[in-house]
Amino acid sequence: MKIPHVCCAVLAGAFLHQAAASVAFAQTAATAAEVPDEARLAVARQIVDTAFPAATREQMLLGTAEAIAAQVNQAMLASLPRQDEEVVAIIERWSDKFLADSTPTLRRHIPALMDSFAQAYANQFSEQELRDLLAFASTSSGKAFFSRADKL
């Protein structure tokens, strides 16, 4: 049956397109972005360390990747004119394989992601705003917020 293969190809294409677009945008934005001053960058790094503790950041990021994959699966399945068990099984297998294959890459890039978060925060917020964000991230409510971000 060709339809399941088409669905998988569309899903794969969507993931790859989004990934390529994100990388291209990030590279362009990084090139065009102002270099934040050291004070803002230092506070931004504290926010990242507080919001994404080293002991749990991998779990947090992998949880976010799994949540995104689940949402894509739901959207793909909802777009089918009828529930075809063969198509459902193919989409689920592909998604599981995609996550398994991409997890090592994500793990390798966690330090760069954390640095990118800090750079982005430092570029977007004033030093006072960063200090306010750090204060929030340091509270029990802030910690709860960031620890549940993958469920949002």
Protein backbone atom coordinates (compact mmCIF):
# COMPACT_ATOMS: atom_id res chain seq x y z
CA MET A 1 0.00 0.00 0.00
CA LYS A 2 1.51 3.33 -1.05
CA ILE A 3 -0.46 5.66 1.24
CA PRO A 4 1.40 4.67 4.45
CA HIS A 5 4.72 5.31 2.71
CA VAL A 6 3.48 8.70 1.58
CA CYS A 7 2.39 9.55 5.14
CA CYS A 8 5.81 8.58 6.47
CA ALA A 9 7.53 10.56 3.77
CA VAL A 10 5.40 13.62 4.56
CA LEU A 11 6.10 13.27 8.28
CA ALA A 12 9.83 12.81 7.67
CA GLY A 13 9.87 15.76 5.30
CA ALA A 14 8.08 17.94 7.83
CA PHE A 15 10.57 17.08 10.57
CA LEU A 16 13.57 17.62 8.32
CA HIS A 17 12.19 20.86 6.90
CA GLN A 18 11.53 22.22 10.39
CA ALA A 19 14.98 21.17 11.60
CA ALA A 20 16.72 22.72 8.60
CA ALA A 21 14.70 25.93 8.91
CA SER A 22 15.48 26.17 12.62
CA VAL A 23 19.21 25.69 12.06
CA ALA A 24 19.28 28.23 9.23
CA PHE A 25 17.32 30.76 11.27
CA ALA A 26 19.52 30.24 14.33
CA GLN A 27 22.68 30.73 12.27
CA THR A 28 21.32 33.88 10.64
CA ALA A 29 20.06 35.25 13.95
CA ALA A 30 23.36 34.49 15.68
CA THR A 31 25.28 36.29 12.96
CA ALA A 32 22.99 39.31 13.03
CA ALA A 33 22.52 39.45 16.80
CA GLU A 34 24.35 41.96 18.90
CA VAL A 35 26.97 40.61 21.22
CA PRO A 36 25.50 40.96 24.72
CA ASP A 37 27.54 42.63 27.40
CA GLU A 38 29.22 40.34 29.92
CA ALA A 39 27.01 41.37 32.82
CA ARG A 40 23.81 40.40 30.98
CA LEU A 41 25.38 37.20 29.70
CA ALA A 42 26.52 36.21 33.20
CA VAL A 43 22.99 36.63 34.59
CA ALA A 44 21.52 34.82 31.58
CA ARG A 45 23.84 31.86 32.22
CA GLN A 46 22.65 31.79 35.83
CA ILE A 47 19.07 31.63 34.57
CA VAL A 48 19.92 28.70 32.31
CA ASP A 49 21.73 26.88 35.12
CA THR A 50 18.79 27.49 37.47
CA ALA A 51 15.98 26.77 35.01
CA PHE A 52 17.70 23.77 33.42
CA PRO A 53 19.74 22.13 36.19
CA ALA A 54 22.63 20.08 34.83
CA ALA A 55 21.31 16.96 36.58
CA THR A 56 17.94 17.12 34.82
CA ARG A 57 18.41 19.17 31.63
CA GLU A 58 18.87 16.13 29.38
CA GLN A 59 15.66 14.62 30.70
CA MET A 60 13.87 17.95 30.26
CA LEU A 61 15.00 18.40 26.66
CA LEU A 62 14.32 14.80 25.68
CA GLY A 63 10.88 15.12 27.26
CA THR A 64 10.23 18.17 25.10
CA ALA A 65 11.34 16.28 21.97
CA GLU A 66 9.03 13.39 22.86
CA ALA A 67 6.12 15.79 23.45
CA ILE A 68 6.67 17.44 20.06
CA ALA A 69 6.82 14.03 18.35
CA ALA A 70 3.58 13.00 20.06
CA GLN A 71 1.88 16.20 18.89
CA VAL A 72 3.06 15.63 15.31
CA ASN A 73 1.79 12.04 15.47
CA GLN A 74 -1.60 13.22 16.70
CA ALA A 75 -1.81 15.83 13.94
CA MET A 76 -0.87 13.26 11.29
CA LEU A 77 -3.37 10.74 12.58
CA ALA A 78 -6.10 13.36 12.87
CA SER A 79 -5.56 14.31 9.22
CA LEU A 80 -6.27 10.78 8.00
CA PRO A 81 -9.74 10.32 6.51
CA ARG A 82 -10.13 7.15 8.54
CA GLN A 83 -8.06 5.33 11.11
CA ASP A 84 -6.04 2.76 9.22
CA GLU A 85 -4.23 0.52 11.73
CA GLU A 86 -1.41 -0.11 9.25
CA VAL A 87 -0.81 3.61 8.79
CA VAL A 88 -1.01 4.20 12.54
CA ALA A 89 1.58 1.48 13.14
CA ILE A 90 3.92 2.90 10.48
CA ILE A 91 3.70 6.43 11.87
CA GLU A 92 4.33 5.20 15.42
CA ARG A 93 7.30 3.05 14.35
CA TRP A 94 8.81 5.90 12.37
CA SER A 95 8.35 8.33 15.25
CA ASP A 96 9.95 5.89 17.71
CA LYS A 97 12.89 5.36 15.33
CA PHE A 98 13.26 9.10 14.72
CA LEU A 99 13.44 9.78 18.45
CA ALA A 100 15.87 6.91 19.04
CA ASP A 101 18.10 8.04 16.18
CA SER A 102 18.02 11.74 17.09
CA THR A 103 18.54 11.37 20.85
CA PRO A 104 22.34 10.92 20.64
CA THR A 105 22.58 14.06 18.48
CA LEU A 106 20.47 16.05 20.91
CA ARG A 107 22.61 14.85 23.82
CA ARG A 108 25.80 15.98 22.07
CA HIS A 109 24.36 19.43 21.46
CA ILE A 110 22.94 20.14 24.91
CA PRO A 111 25.91 22.35 25.93
CA ALA A 112 25.54 24.40 22.73
CA LEU A 113 21.78 24.64 23.27
CA MET A 114 22.28 25.91 26.81
CA ASP A 115 24.77 28.51 25.57
CA SER A 116 22.32 29.52 22.83
CA PHE A 117 19.57 29.97 25.42
CA ALA A 118 21.85 32.20 27.49
CA GLN A 119 22.88 34.24 24.43
CA ALA A 120 19.23 34.65 23.40
CA TYR A 121 18.14 35.72 26.88
CA ALA A 122 21.02 38.19 27.10
CA ASN A 123 20.16 39.64 23.70
CA GLN A 124 16.45 39.99 24.43
CA PHE A 125 16.33 41.26 28.00
CA SER A 126 17.87 44.09 29.95
CA GLU A 127 20.08 43.28 32.91
CA GLN A 128 17.25 44.17 35.32
CA GLU A 129 14.78 41.98 33.44
CA LEU A 130 17.30 39.13 33.54
CA ARG A 131 17.71 39.59 37.29
CA ASP A 132 13.90 39.47 37.67
CA LEU A 133 13.77 36.30 35.57
CA LEU A 134 16.54 34.75 37.66
CA ALA A 135 14.65 35.62 40.84
CA PHE A 136 11.55 33.90 39.45
CA ALA A 137 13.49 30.85 38.23
CA SER A 138 14.96 30.53 41.73
CA THR A 139 11.56 30.35 43.45
CA SER A 140 9.62 27.13 43.99
CA SER A 141 7.05 28.38 41.45
CA GLY A 142 9.78 29.09 38.92
CA LYS A 143 11.35 25.69 39.43
CA ALA A 144 7.93 24.05 39.03
CA PHE A 145 7.30 26.07 35.87
CA PHE A 146 10.56 25.09 34.19
CA SER A 147 10.39 21.46 35.31
CA ARG A 148 6.97 21.14 33.63
CA ALA A 149 7.81 23.06 30.46
CA ASP A 150 7.91 19.86 28.40
CA LYS A 151 4.25 19.24 29.27
CA LEU A 152 3.08 22.63 28.00
